[in-house]
Amino acid sequence: MTLIVRTIKVLISSKFKPRITDATAPQALMFRVLPNDLDFNMHMNNSRYLAIMDVGRIDLLIRTHLFQEMRKIKAIPVLSTAKMRYRISLQPFQRYRLESKLVCWDEKWLYIEHRFIIADGPKAGAVAAIGLVKGVFYSGQGKGTVPTSQLLELTGMDKHSPEFPEHVTDYIKADESFRDYVRNDSSNNKSDNSDA
């Protein structure tokens, strides 16, 4: 329930914040670890990081005006993969800053980074976790993905991607390898799964 409240709060507040003209610059949102964010180890649940990242992307989409433009062509954001690196546990009621930015892109995919940064206490400023996601916009109107050049044109951003960092190119290679594994595994297991 609190995630819904956070999402609604960002949906409203993002409309009153300055427009983002450079999505490659980190955009920050402040949060606090709440009791229903916790797992049995009494720190923030690993799945909650991914949910909070969704909220960060909502802020980016609204403030770049991409959300509004994509609604016109009935396009929705879709993730392909996500990678997480957890470094420091976030404790109950601890404040943290989520920094979200567009790292780079090709003609189809957007690569977005999310950093969870401890806001106060002895570890203030330390990165608690980093997430990297690969996403695209799918248009129900056009029955396909929306080219990145079209997205950038609508937001008024530079159409040229920054150079792909090494960790992103490594991520892409690993993702392609995993994609091939899933395809091969699926084709080898086409038997009836009605008993599963």
Protein backbone atom coordinates (compact mmCIF):
# COMPACT_ATOMS: atom_id res chain seq x y z
CA MET A 1 0.00 0.00 0.00
CA THR A 2 2.78 2.45 0.86
CA LEU A 3 4.32 1.84 -2.59
CA ILE A 4 1.05 2.99 -4.17
CA VAL A 5 1.11 6.09 -1.96
CA ARG A 6 4.73 6.79 -2.97
CA THR A 7 3.85 6.34 -6.64
CA ILE A 8 0.87 8.69 -6.43
CA LYS A 9 2.99 11.24 -4.59
CA VAL A 10 5.63 11.15 -7.35
CA LEU A 11 2.98 11.25 -10.09
CA ILE A 12 1.64 14.48 -8.59
CA SER A 13 4.89 16.14 -7.48
CA SER A 14 6.71 15.43 -10.77
CA LYS A 15 4.20 17.60 -12.62
CA PHE A 16 5.28 20.61 -10.57
CA LYS A 17 9.04 20.07 -10.84
CA PRO A 18 11.19 21.62 -13.57
CA ARG A 19 11.22 19.82 -16.89
CA ILE A 20 14.23 17.54 -17.43
CA THR A 21 16.10 18.53 -20.58
CA ASP A 22 19.04 16.20 -19.97
CA ALA A 23 17.99 12.75 -18.76
CA THR A 24 21.65 11.68 -18.57
CA ALA A 25 22.01 13.90 -15.48
CA PRO A 26 21.02 12.14 -12.22
CA GLN A 27 17.56 13.03 -10.92
CA ALA A 28 16.98 12.50 -7.20
CA LEU A 29 14.04 11.36 -5.09
CA MET A 30 14.15 10.95 -1.30
CA PHE A 31 12.73 7.91 0.47
CA ARG A 32 12.76 6.23 3.86
CA VAL A 33 12.79 2.49 4.59
CA LEU A 34 9.35 1.69 5.99
CA PRO A 35 8.29 -1.41 7.95
CA ASN A 36 6.61 -3.08 4.96
CA ASP A 37 9.80 -2.61 2.91
CA LEU A 38 11.56 -5.11 5.18
CA ASP A 39 12.23 -8.81 4.78
CA PHE A 40 12.92 -11.46 7.43
CA ASN A 41 16.47 -10.14 7.85
CA MET A 42 14.99 -6.79 8.92
CA HIS A 43 16.53 -4.80 6.10
CA MET A 44 15.03 -3.58 2.83
CA ASN A 45 13.80 -6.49 0.75
CA ASN A 46 15.72 -7.04 -2.48
CA SER A 47 12.51 -6.90 -4.54
CA ARG A 48 11.61 -3.52 -3.02
CA TYR A 49 14.66 -1.95 -4.67
CA LEU A 50 13.24 -2.89 -8.07
CA ALA A 51 9.82 -1.47 -7.17
CA ILE A 52 11.36 1.82 -5.99
CA MET A 53 13.32 1.98 -9.27
CA ASP A 54 9.95 1.88 -11.08
CA VAL A 55 8.98 5.03 -9.17
CA GLY A 56 12.24 6.70 -10.19
CA ARG A 57 11.54 5.97 -13.84
CA ILE A 58 8.04 7.41 -13.52
CA ASP A 59 9.61 10.67 -12.34
CA LEU A 60 11.99 10.64 -15.34
CA LEU A 61 9.21 9.89 -17.83
CA ILE A 62 6.91 12.62 -16.57
CA ARG A 63 9.58 15.30 -16.24
CA THR A 64 11.05 14.67 -19.71
CA HIS A 65 7.44 14.86 -21.04
CA LEU A 66 8.01 11.44 -22.59
CA PHE A 67 5.11 9.96 -20.63
CA GLN A 68 2.70 12.52 -22.05
CA GLU A 69 3.95 12.07 -25.62
CA MET A 70 3.85 8.27 -25.45
CA ARG A 71 0.25 8.33 -24.24
CA LYS A 72 -0.71 10.06 -27.49
CA ILE A 73 0.42 7.04 -29.51
CA LYS A 74 -0.71 4.51 -26.89
CA ALA A 75 2.87 3.46 -26.12
CA ILE A 76 3.85 1.90 -22.82
CA PRO A 77 7.27 1.42 -21.19
CA VAL A 78 8.42 -2.20 -21.07
CA LEU A 79 11.53 -3.63 -19.38
CA SER A 80 13.55 -6.41 -20.96
CA THR A 81 16.07 -7.06 -18.19
CA ALA A 82 17.29 -5.67 -14.88
CA LYS A 83 20.58 -6.17 -13.07
CA MET A 84 21.19 -5.34 -9.41
CA ARG A 85 24.31 -4.99 -7.30
CA TYR A 86 23.63 -4.82 -3.55
CA ARG A 87 26.43 -3.33 -1.43
CA ILE A 88 25.12 -2.09 1.92
CA SER A 89 21.85 -3.04 3.61
CA LEU A 90 19.28 -0.31 4.07
CA GLN A 91 17.99 -0.48 7.65
CA PRO A 92 14.53 0.25 9.10
CA PHE A 93 13.58 3.94 8.85
CA GLN A 94 16.87 4.80 7.17
CA ARG A 95 16.68 7.68 4.70
CA TYR A 96 18.11 7.21 1.23
CA ARG A 97 18.27 9.06 -2.07
CA LEU A 98 17.39 7.37 -5.35
CA GLU A 99 19.33 8.83 -8.26
CA SER A 100 18.05 7.83 -11.70
CA LYS A 101 19.57 8.66 -15.06
CA LEU A 102 19.64 7.57 -18.67
CA VAL A 103 23.13 6.16 -19.28
CA CYS A 104 23.09 5.44 -23.01
CA TRP A 105 20.93 4.10 -25.82
CA ASP A 106 20.85 2.53 -29.25
CA GLU A 107 18.10 2.70 -31.89
CA LYS A 108 15.88 0.35 -29.88
CA TRP A 109 16.94 0.16 -26.23
CA LEU A 110 17.34 2.63 -23.37
CA TYR A 111 19.76 1.81 -20.52
CA ILE A 112 18.83 3.45 -17.21
CA GLU A 113 20.85 3.43 -13.99
CA HIS A 114 19.43 3.74 -10.48
CA ARG A 115 21.63 4.43 -7.43
CA PHE A 116 20.46 4.04 -3.85
CA ILE A 117 22.54 6.44 -1.76
CA ILE A 118 22.46 6.52 2.05
CA ALA A 119 21.26 9.97 3.09
CA ASP A 120 22.43 10.28 6.70
CA GLY A 121 24.32 8.61 9.53
CA PRO A 122 27.93 7.37 9.55
CA LYS A 123 27.61 5.95 6.02
CA ALA A 124 25.99 9.03 4.47
CA GLY A 125 26.89 9.33 0.80
CA ALA A 126 27.71 5.65 0.38
CA VAL A 127 26.06 3.75 -2.45
CA ALA A 128 23.86 1.03 -0.95
CA ALA A 129 22.88 -0.54 -4.27
CA ILE A 130 23.01 0.07 -8.01
CA GLY A 131 20.50 -1.14 -10.59
CA LEU A 132 20.74 -1.12 -14.37
CA VAL A 133 17.70 -1.72 -16.56
CA LYS A 134 17.17 -2.18 -20.29
CA GLY A 135 13.86 -0.89 -21.56
CA VAL A 136 11.85 0.14 -24.58
CA PHE A 137 8.52 1.72 -25.45
CA TYR A 138 5.97 -0.53 -27.13
CA SER A 139 3.26 1.13 -29.18
CA GLY A 140 -0.13 -0.55 -29.32
CA GLN A 141 -0.95 1.80 -32.17
CA GLY A 142 2.06 0.87 -34.28
CA LYS A 143 2.24 -2.73 -33.00
CA GLY A 144 5.96 -2.45 -32.36
CA THR A 145 8.70 -0.67 -30.45
CA VAL A 146 9.13 3.07 -30.75
CA PRO A 147 12.57 3.99 -32.20
CA THR A 148 14.81 5.81 -29.74
CA SER A 149 15.39 8.63 -32.23
CA GLN A 150 11.65 9.34 -32.16
CA LEU A 151 11.62 9.35 -28.35
CA LEU A 152 14.51 11.79 -28.16
CA GLU A 153 13.00 14.06 -30.79
CA LEU A 154 9.80 14.29 -28.76
CA THR A 155 11.73 15.26 -25.60
CA GLY A 156 14.08 17.67 -27.37
CA MET A 157 17.16 15.76 -26.18
CA ASP A 158 20.39 15.20 -28.09
CA LYS A 159 19.95 12.21 -30.38
CA HIS A 160 23.53 11.04 -29.96
CA SER A 161 24.09 8.57 -27.14
CA PRO A 162 27.03 8.98 -24.79
CA GLU A 163 29.69 6.32 -25.25
CA PHE A 164 28.59 2.97 -23.84
CA PRO A 165 30.48 2.33 -20.56
CA GLU A 166 32.29 -0.99 -20.30
CA HIS A 167 29.94 -2.32 -17.63
CA VAL A 168 26.96 -1.65 -19.94
CA THR A 169 28.53 -3.42 -22.92
CA ASP A 170 29.35 -6.36 -20.63
CA TYR A 171 25.74 -6.30 -19.41
CA ILE A 172 24.49 -6.39 -23.01
CA LYS A 173 26.70 -9.38 -23.85
CA ALA A 174 25.56 -11.25 -20.75
CA ASP A 175 21.94 -10.41 -21.54
CA GLU A 176 22.28 -11.70 -25.12
CA SER A 177 23.84 -14.91 -23.84
CA PHE A 178 21.02 -15.39 -21.34
CA ARG A 179 18.41 -14.58 -24.01
CA ASP A 180 19.88 -17.29 -26.25
CA TYR A 181 19.83 -19.75 -23.34
CA VAL A 182 16.16 -19.01 -22.64
CA ARG A 183 15.25 -19.39 -26.33
CA ASN A 184 17.07 -22.71 -26.62
CA ASP A 185 15.66 -23.99 -23.34
CA SER A 186 12.13 -23.01 -24.40
CA SER A 187 12.45 -24.77 -27.75
CA ASN A 188 13.75 -27.91 -26.04
CA ASN A 189 10.86 -27.95 -23.56
CA LYS A 190 7.78 -27.58 -25.72
CA SER A 191 6.12 -30.59 -24.14
CA ASP A 192 2.71 -30.29 -22.53
CA ASN A 193 3.14 -28.59 -19.13
CA SER A 194 -0.45 -29.12 -18.03
CA ASP A 195 0.72 -31.25 -15.08
CA ALA A 196 3.26 -28.63 -13.93
